[in-house]
């Protein structure tokens, strides 16, 4: 099994990542950065998770934005 020591996403659930992004940006700014309906119209963690789990391109965008956020925090 390949070690994931240098992978900043290792051990993070999608729910944790989304929660940190919402805390950092808020729903409005998050919806501006990644324009998907579940962030812009009646947003919630649960509806967003449901969409992101079914939509690989959107999940990738969320993960990439998260990586930018943690890079800024360093």
PDB file of N, CA and C in Angstrom:
ATOM      1  N   UNK A   1       0.845  -1.184   0.000  1.00  0.00           N
ATOM      2  CA  UNK A   1       0.000   0.000   0.000  1.00  0.00           C
ATOM      3  C   UNK A   1       0.891   1.249   0.000  1.00  0.00           C
ATOM      4  N   UNK A   2       0.560   2.180  -0.847  1.00  0.00           N
ATOM      5  CA  UNK A   2       1.340   3.410  -0.986  1.00  0.00           C
ATOM      6  C   UNK A   2       1.066   4.352   0.188  1.00  0.00           C
ATOM      7  N   UNK A   3       2.134   4.876   0.775  1.00  0.00           N
ATOM      8  CA  UNK A   3       1.962   5.828   1.873  1.00  0.00           C
ATOM      9  C   UNK A   3       1.533   7.178   1.321  1.00  0.00           C
ATOM     10  N   UNK A   4       0.756   7.891   2.103  1.00  0.00           N
ATOM     11  CA  UNK A   4       0.202   9.162   1.664  1.00  0.00           C
ATOM     12  C   UNK A   4       0.701  10.304   2.537  1.00  0.00           C
ATOM     13  N   UNK A   5       1.933  10.229   2.978  1.00  0.00           N
ATOM     14  CA  UNK A   5       2.478  11.214   3.904  1.00  0.00           C
ATOM     15  C   UNK A   5       2.396  12.637   3.339  1.00  0.00           C
ATOM     16  N   UNK A   6       2.686  12.795   2.067  1.00  0.00           N
ATOM     17  CA  UNK A   6       2.715  14.133   1.468  1.00  0.00           C
ATOM     18  C   UNK A   6       1.378  14.559   0.859  1.00  0.00           C
ATOM     19  N   UNK A   7       0.354  13.766   1.021  1.00  0.00           N
ATOM     20  CA  UNK A   7      -0.956  14.097   0.477  1.00  0.00           C
ATOM     21  C   UNK A   7      -1.762  14.845   1.530  1.00  0.00           C
ATOM     22  N   UNK A   8      -1.973  16.158   1.353  1.00  0.00           N
ATOM     23  CA  UNK A   8      -2.714  16.923   2.359  1.00  0.00           C
ATOM     24  C   UNK A   8      -4.187  16.536   2.477  1.00  0.00           C
ATOM     25  N   UNK A   9      -4.711  15.796   1.523  1.00  0.00           N
ATOM     26  CA  UNK A   9      -6.103  15.352   1.590  1.00  0.00           C
ATOM     27  C   UNK A   9      -6.248  14.034   2.338  1.00  0.00           C
ATOM     28  N   UNK A  10      -5.127  13.360   2.589  1.00  0.00           N
ATOM     29  CA  UNK A  10      -5.177  12.064   3.272  1.00  0.00           C
ATOM     30  C   UNK A  10      -5.771  12.229   4.674  1.00  0.00           C
ATOM     31  N   UNK A  11      -6.761  11.416   4.959  1.00  0.00           N
ATOM     32  CA  UNK A  11      -7.406  11.451   6.270  1.00  0.00           C
ATOM     33  C   UNK A  11      -8.517  12.479   6.391  1.00  0.00           C
ATOM     34  N   UNK A  12      -8.741  13.250   5.354  1.00  0.00           N
ATOM     35  CA  UNK A  12      -9.809  14.266   5.359  1.00  0.00           C
ATOM     36  C   UNK A  12     -11.021  13.717   4.621  1.00  0.00           C
ATOM     37  N   UNK A  13     -12.162  13.798   5.259  1.00  0.00           N
ATOM     38  CA  UNK A  13     -13.389  13.409   4.568  1.00  0.00           C
ATOM     39  C   UNK A  13     -13.881  14.602   3.758  1.00  0.00           C
ATOM     40  N   UNK A  14     -14.726  14.316   2.798  1.00  0.00           N
ATOM     41  CA  UNK A  14     -15.319  15.390   2.007  1.00  0.00           C
ATOM     42  C   UNK A  14     -16.104  16.340   2.903  1.00  0.00           C
ATOM     43  N   UNK A  15     -16.762  15.799   3.903  1.00  0.00           N
ATOM     44  CA  UNK A  15     -17.523  16.634   4.837  1.00  0.00           C
ATOM     45  C   UNK A  15     -16.597  17.581   5.608  1.00  0.00           C
ATOM     46  N   UNK A  16     -15.441  17.088   6.030  1.00  0.00           N
ATOM     47  CA  UNK A  16     -14.479  17.936   6.736  1.00  0.00           C
ATOM     48  C   UNK A  16     -13.962  19.050   5.824  1.00  0.00           C
ATOM     49  N   UNK A  17     -13.638  18.690   4.592  1.00  0.00           N
ATOM     50  CA  UNK A  17     -13.120  19.664   3.626  1.00  0.00           C
ATOM     51  C   UNK A  17     -14.168  20.740   3.367  1.00  0.00           C
ATOM     52  N   UNK A  18     -15.386  20.324   3.107  1.00  0.00           N
ATOM     53  CA  UNK A  18     -16.460  21.280   2.825  1.00  0.00           C
ATOM     54  C   UNK A  18     -16.716  22.179   4.030  1.00  0.00           C
ATOM     55  N   UNK A  19     -16.732  21.595   5.214  1.00  0.00           N
ATOM     56  CA  UNK A  19     -16.937  22.390   6.430  1.00  0.00           C
ATOM     57  C   UNK A  19     -15.860  23.449   6.610  1.00  0.00           C
ATOM     58  N   UNK A  20     -14.614  23.085   6.361  1.00  0.00           N
ATOM     59  CA  UNK A  20     -13.521  24.057   6.485  1.00  0.00           C
ATOM     60  C   UNK A  20     -13.646  25.165   5.441  1.00  0.00           C
ATOM     61  N   UNK A  21     -14.060  24.809   4.229  1.00  0.00           N
ATOM     62  CA  UNK A  21     -14.242  25.827   3.187  1.00  0.00           C
ATOM     63  C   UNK A  21     -15.382  26.778   3.536  1.00  0.00           C
ATOM     64  N   UNK A  22     -16.468  26.244   4.056  1.00  0.00           N
ATOM     65  CA  UNK A  22     -17.604  27.094   4.452  1.00  0.00           C
ATOM     66  C   UNK A  22     -17.185  28.007   5.604  1.00  0.00           C
ATOM     67  N   UNK A  23     -16.432  27.484   6.565  1.00  0.00           N
ATOM     68  CA  UNK A  23     -15.940  28.316   7.668  1.00  0.00           C
ATOM     69  C   UNK A  23     -15.019  29.419   7.158  1.00  0.00           C
ATOM     70  N   UNK A  24     -14.183  29.086   6.192  1.00  0.00           N
ATOM     71  CA  UNK A  24     -13.201  30.037   5.674  1.00  0.00           C
ATOM     72  C   UNK A  24     -13.849  31.102   4.785  1.00  0.00           C
ATOM     73  N   UNK A  25     -14.696  30.673   3.853  1.00  0.00           N
ATOM     74  CA  UNK A  25     -15.278  31.584   2.865  1.00  0.00           C
ATOM     75  C   UNK A  25     -16.703  32.027   3.180  1.00  0.00           C
ATOM     76  N   UNK A  26     -17.493  31.151   3.761  1.00  0.00           N
ATOM     77  CA  UNK A  26     -18.936  31.374   3.838  1.00  0.00           C
ATOM     78  C   UNK A  26     -19.559  30.863   2.545  1.00  0.00           C
ATOM     79  N   UNK A  27     -20.844  30.595   2.580  1.00  0.00           N
ATOM     80  CA  UNK A  27     -21.522  30.027   1.409  1.00  0.00           C
ATOM     81  C   UNK A  27     -21.490  30.960   0.208  1.00  0.00           C
ATOM     82  N   UNK A  28     -21.696  32.256   0.444  1.00  0.00           N
ATOM     83  CA  UNK A  28     -21.772  33.190  -0.680  1.00  0.00           C
ATOM     84  C   UNK A  28     -20.463  33.237  -1.464  1.00  0.00           C
ATOM     85  N   UNK A  29     -19.356  33.397  -0.760  1.00  0.00           N
ATOM     86  CA  UNK A  29     -18.061  33.463  -1.431  1.00  0.00           C
ATOM     87  C   UNK A  29     -17.684  32.108  -2.021  1.00  0.00           C
ATOM     88  N   UNK A  30     -18.015  31.033  -1.337  1.00  0.00           N
ATOM     89  CA  UNK A  30     -17.739  29.697  -1.866  1.00  0.00           C
ATOM     90  C   UNK A  30     -18.488  29.496  -3.181  1.00  0.00           C
ATOM     91  N   UNK A  31     -19.746  29.938  -3.234  1.00  0.00           N
ATOM     92  CA  UNK A  31     -20.530  29.856  -4.464  1.00  0.00           C
ATOM     93  C   UNK A  31     -19.983  30.734  -5.567  1.00  0.00           C
ATOM     94  N   UNK A  32     -19.334  31.812  -5.187  1.00  0.00           N
ATOM     95  CA  UNK A  32     -18.692  32.682  -6.181  1.00  0.00           C
ATOM     96  C   UNK A  32     -17.435  32.003  -6.734  1.00  0.00           C
ATOM     97  N   UNK A  33     -16.676  31.352  -5.863  1.00  0.00           N
ATOM     98  CA  UNK A  33     -15.434  30.691  -6.290  1.00  0.00           C
ATOM     99  C   UNK A  33     -15.698  29.433  -7.106  1.00  0.00           C
ATOM    100  N   UNK A  34     -16.716  28.689  -6.716  1.00  0.00           N
ATOM    101  CA  UNK A  34     -17.104  27.476  -7.446  1.00  0.00           C
ATOM    102  C   UNK A  34     -18.602  27.596  -7.718  1.00  0.00           C
ATOM    103  N   UNK A  35     -18.928  27.920  -8.933  1.00  0.00           N
ATOM    104  CA  UNK A  35     -20.314  28.222  -9.274  1.00  0.00           C
ATOM    105  C   UNK A  35     -21.120  26.940  -9.522  1.00  0.00           C
ATOM    106  N   UNK A  36     -21.643  26.406  -8.433  1.00  0.00           N
ATOM    107  CA  UNK A  36     -22.563  25.274  -8.544  1.00  0.00           C
ATOM    108  C   UNK A  36     -23.798  25.595  -7.706  1.00  0.00           C
ATOM    109  N   UNK A  37     -24.918  25.116  -8.156  1.00  0.00           N
ATOM    110  CA  UNK A  37     -26.205  25.480  -7.569  1.00  0.00           C
ATOM    111  C   UNK A  37     -26.289  25.162  -6.073  1.00  0.00           C
ATOM    112  N   UNK A  38     -25.728  24.035  -5.662  1.00  0.00           N
ATOM    113  CA  UNK A  38     -25.873  23.653  -4.249  1.00  0.00           C
ATOM    114  C   UNK A  38     -25.108  24.594  -3.316  1.00  0.00           C
ATOM    115  N   UNK A  39     -24.219  25.435  -3.845  1.00  0.00           N
ATOM    116  CA  UNK A  39     -23.543  26.450  -3.037  1.00  0.00           C
ATOM    117  C   UNK A  39     -24.268  27.792  -3.110  1.00  0.00           C
ATOM    118  N   UNK A  40     -25.048  27.998  -4.160  1.00  0.00           N
ATOM    119  CA  UNK A  40     -25.663  29.311  -4.397  1.00  0.00           C
ATOM    120  C   UNK A  40     -27.150  29.380  -4.064  1.00  0.00           C
ATOM    121  N   UNK A  41     -27.838  28.284  -4.135  1.00  0.00           N
ATOM    122  CA  UNK A  41     -29.280  28.289  -3.902  1.00  0.00           C
ATOM    123  C   UNK A  41     -29.623  27.378  -2.731  1.00  0.00           C
ATOM    124  N   UNK A  42     -30.015  27.986  -1.629  1.00  0.00           N
ATOM    125  CA  UNK A  42     -30.419  27.228  -0.445  1.00  0.00           C
ATOM    126  C   UNK A  42     -29.339  26.236  -0.007  1.00  0.00           C
ATOM    127  N   UNK A  43     -28.113  26.710   0.235  1.00  0.00           N
ATOM    128  CA  UNK A  43     -26.994  25.809   0.501  1.00  0.00           C
ATOM    129  C   UNK A  43     -27.089  25.105   1.855  1.00  0.00           C
ATOM    130  N   UNK A  44     -26.614  23.886   1.866  1.00  0.00           N
ATOM    131  CA  UNK A  44     -26.467  23.131   3.112  1.00  0.00           C
ATOM    132  C   UNK A  44     -25.340  22.122   2.915  1.00  0.00           C
ATOM    133  N   UNK A  45     -24.770  21.710   4.009  1.00  0.00           N
ATOM    134  CA  UNK A  45     -23.695  20.716   3.937  1.00  0.00           C
ATOM    135  C   UNK A  45     -24.227  19.426   3.312  1.00  0.00           C
ATOM    136  N   UNK A  46     -25.381  18.961   3.766  1.00  0.00           N
ATOM    137  CA  UNK A  46     -25.903  17.676   3.292  1.00  0.00           C
ATOM    138  C   UNK A  46     -26.232  17.691   1.797  1.00  0.00           C
ATOM    139  N   UNK A  47     -26.882  18.741   1.307  1.00  0.00           N
ATOM    140  CA  UNK A  47     -27.210  18.776  -0.126  1.00  0.00           C
ATOM    141  C   UNK A  47     -25.939  18.895  -0.956  1.00  0.00           C
ATOM    142  N   UNK A  48     -24.971  19.641  -0.455  1.00  0.00           N
ATOM    143  CA  UNK A  48     -23.704  19.795  -1.175  1.00  0.00           C
ATOM    144  C   UNK A  48     -22.941  18.480  -1.216  1.00  0.00           C
ATOM    145  N   UNK A  49     -22.906  17.766  -0.089  1.00  0.00           N
ATOM    146  CA  UNK A  49     -22.213  16.474  -0.056  1.00  0.00           C
ATOM    147  C   UNK A  49     -22.848  15.495  -1.032  1.00  0.00           C
ATOM    148  N   UNK A  50     -24.158  15.477  -1.074  1.00  0.00           N
ATOM    149  CA  UNK A  50     -24.872  14.577  -1.983  1.00  0.00           C
ATOM    150  C   UNK A  50     -24.469  14.856  -3.427  1.00  0.00           C
ATOM    151  N   UNK A  51     -24.439  16.130  -3.801  1.00  0.00           N
ATOM    152  CA  UNK A  51     -24.057  16.510  -5.160  1.00  0.00           C
ATOM    153  C   UNK A  51     -22.595  16.191  -5.434  1.00  0.00           C
ATOM    154  N   UNK A  52     -21.711  16.567  -4.508  1.00  0.00           N
ATOM    155  CA  UNK A  52     -20.274  16.392  -4.727  1.00  0.00           C
ATOM    156  C   UNK A  52     -19.890  14.914  -4.822  1.00  0.00           C
ATOM    157  N   UNK A  53     -20.566  14.069  -4.091  1.00  0.00           N
ATOM    158  CA  UNK A  53     -20.262  12.633  -4.144  1.00  0.00           C
ATOM    159  C   UNK A  53     -20.653  12.017  -5.486  1.00  0.00           C
ATOM    160  N   UNK A  54     -21.604  12.624  -6.177  1.00  0.00           N
ATOM    161  CA  UNK A  54     -22.059  12.106  -7.471  1.00  0.00           C
ATOM    162  C   UNK A  54     -21.374  12.786  -8.650  1.00  0.00           C
ATOM    163  N   UNK A  55     -20.647  13.871  -8.396  1.00  0.00           N
ATOM    164  CA  UNK A  55     -20.146  14.703  -9.483  1.00  0.00           C
ATOM    165  C   UNK A  55     -18.630  14.892  -9.353  1.00  0.00           C
ATOM    166  N   UNK A  56     -17.864  14.041 -10.014  1.00  0.00           N
ATOM    167  CA  UNK A  56     -16.404  14.078  -9.852  1.00  0.00           C
ATOM    168  C   UNK A  56     -15.753  15.424 -10.187  1.00  0.00           C
ATOM    169  N   UNK A  57     -16.216  16.124 -11.227  1.00  0.00           N
ATOM    170  CA  UNK A  57     -15.582  17.391 -11.590  1.00  0.00           C
ATOM    171  C   UNK A  57     -15.774  18.431 -10.490  1.00  0.00           C
ATOM    172  N   UNK A  58     -16.943  18.427  -9.861  1.00  0.00           N
ATOM    173  CA  UNK A  58     -17.217  19.399  -8.797  1.00  0.00           C
ATOM    174  C   UNK A  58     -16.405  19.064  -7.549  1.00  0.00           C
ATOM    175  N   UNK A  59     -16.302  17.779  -7.236  1.00  0.00           N
ATOM    176  CA  UNK A  59     -15.500  17.359  -6.084  1.00  0.00           C
ATOM    177  C   UNK A  59     -14.041  17.762  -6.288  1.00  0.00           C
ATOM    178  N   UNK A  60     -13.555  17.594  -7.509  1.00  0.00           N
ATOM    179  CA  UNK A  60     -12.168  17.967  -7.816  1.00  0.00           C
ATOM    180  C   UNK A  60     -11.952  19.465  -7.599  1.00  0.00           C
ATOM    181  N   UNK A  61     -12.900  20.272  -8.025  1.00  0.00           N
ATOM    182  CA  UNK A  61     -12.786  21.721  -7.824  1.00  0.00           C
ATOM    183  C   UNK A  61     -12.768  22.080  -6.343  1.00  0.00           C
ATOM    184  N   UNK A  62     -13.596  21.415  -5.557  1.00  0.00           N
ATOM    185  CA  UNK A  62     -13.639  21.651  -4.115  1.00  0.00           C
ATOM    186  C   UNK A  62     -12.302  21.264  -3.482  1.00  0.00           C
ATOM    187  N   UNK A  63     -11.781  20.118  -3.860  1.00  0.00           N
ATOM    188  CA  UNK A  63     -10.502  19.673  -3.317  1.00  0.00           C
ATOM    189  C   UNK A  63      -9.373  20.618  -3.707  1.00  0.00           C
ATOM    190  N   UNK A  64      -9.370  21.099  -4.945  1.00  0.00           N
ATOM    191  CA  UNK A  64      -8.340  22.037  -5.389  1.00  0.00           C
ATOM    192  C   UNK A  64      -8.425  23.361  -4.634  1.00  0.00           C
ATOM    193  N   UNK A  65      -9.626  23.841  -4.404  1.00  0.00           N
ATOM    194  CA  UNK A  65      -9.791  25.073  -3.635  1.00  0.00           C
ATOM    195  C   UNK A  65      -9.323  24.862  -2.199  1.00  0.00           C
ATOM    196  N   UNK A  66      -9.615  23.719  -1.642  1.00  0.00           N
ATOM    197  CA  UNK A  66      -9.169  23.403  -0.282  1.00  0.00           C
ATOM    198  C   UNK A  66      -7.644  23.415  -0.202  1.00  0.00           C
ATOM    199  N   UNK A  67      -6.994  22.844  -1.189  1.00  0.00           N
ATOM    200  CA  UNK A  67      -5.525  22.830  -1.211  1.00  0.00           C
ATOM    201  C   UNK A  67      -4.967  24.255  -1.258  1.00  0.00           C
ATOM    202  N   UNK A  68      -5.620  25.133  -1.991  1.00  0.00           N
ATOM    203  CA  UNK A  68      -5.194  26.545  -2.033  1.00  0.00           C
ATOM    204  C   UNK A  68      -5.369  27.201  -0.673  1.00  0.00           C
ATOM    205  N   UNK A  69      -6.462  26.889   0.010  1.00  0.00           N
ATOM    206  CA  UNK A  69      -6.728  27.475   1.327  1.00  0.00           C
ATOM    207  C   UNK A  69      -5.679  27.033   2.343  1.00  0.00           C
ATOM    208  N   UNK A  70      -5.367  25.738   2.359  1.00  0.00           N
ATOM    209  CA  UNK A  70      -4.387  25.297   3.352  1.00  0.00           C
ATOM    210  C   UNK A  70      -2.989  25.800   3.012  1.00  0.00           C
ATOM    211  N   UNK A  71      -2.712  26.034   1.746  1.00  0.00           N
ATOM    212  CA  UNK A  71      -1.414  26.595   1.358  1.00  0.00           C
ATOM    213  C   UNK A  71      -1.306  28.039   1.865  1.00  0.00           C
ATOM    214  N   UNK A  72      -2.408  28.785   1.823  1.00  0.00           N
ATOM    215  CA  UNK A  72      -2.415  30.161   2.310  1.00  0.00           C
ATOM    216  C   UNK A  72      -2.238  30.239   3.821  1.00  0.00           C
ATOM    217  N   UNK A  73      -2.745  29.235   4.518  1.00  0.00           N
ATOM    218  CA  UNK A  73      -2.682  29.229   5.980  1.00  0.00           C
ATOM    219  C   UNK A  73      -1.276  28.947   6.510  1.00  0.00           C
ATOM    220  N   UNK A  74      -0.428  28.385   5.665  1.00  0.00           N
ATOM    221  CA  UNK A  74       0.932  28.029   6.112  1.00  0.00           C
ATOM    222  C   UNK A  74       1.817  29.229   6.242  1.00  0.00           C
TER     223      UNK A  74
END
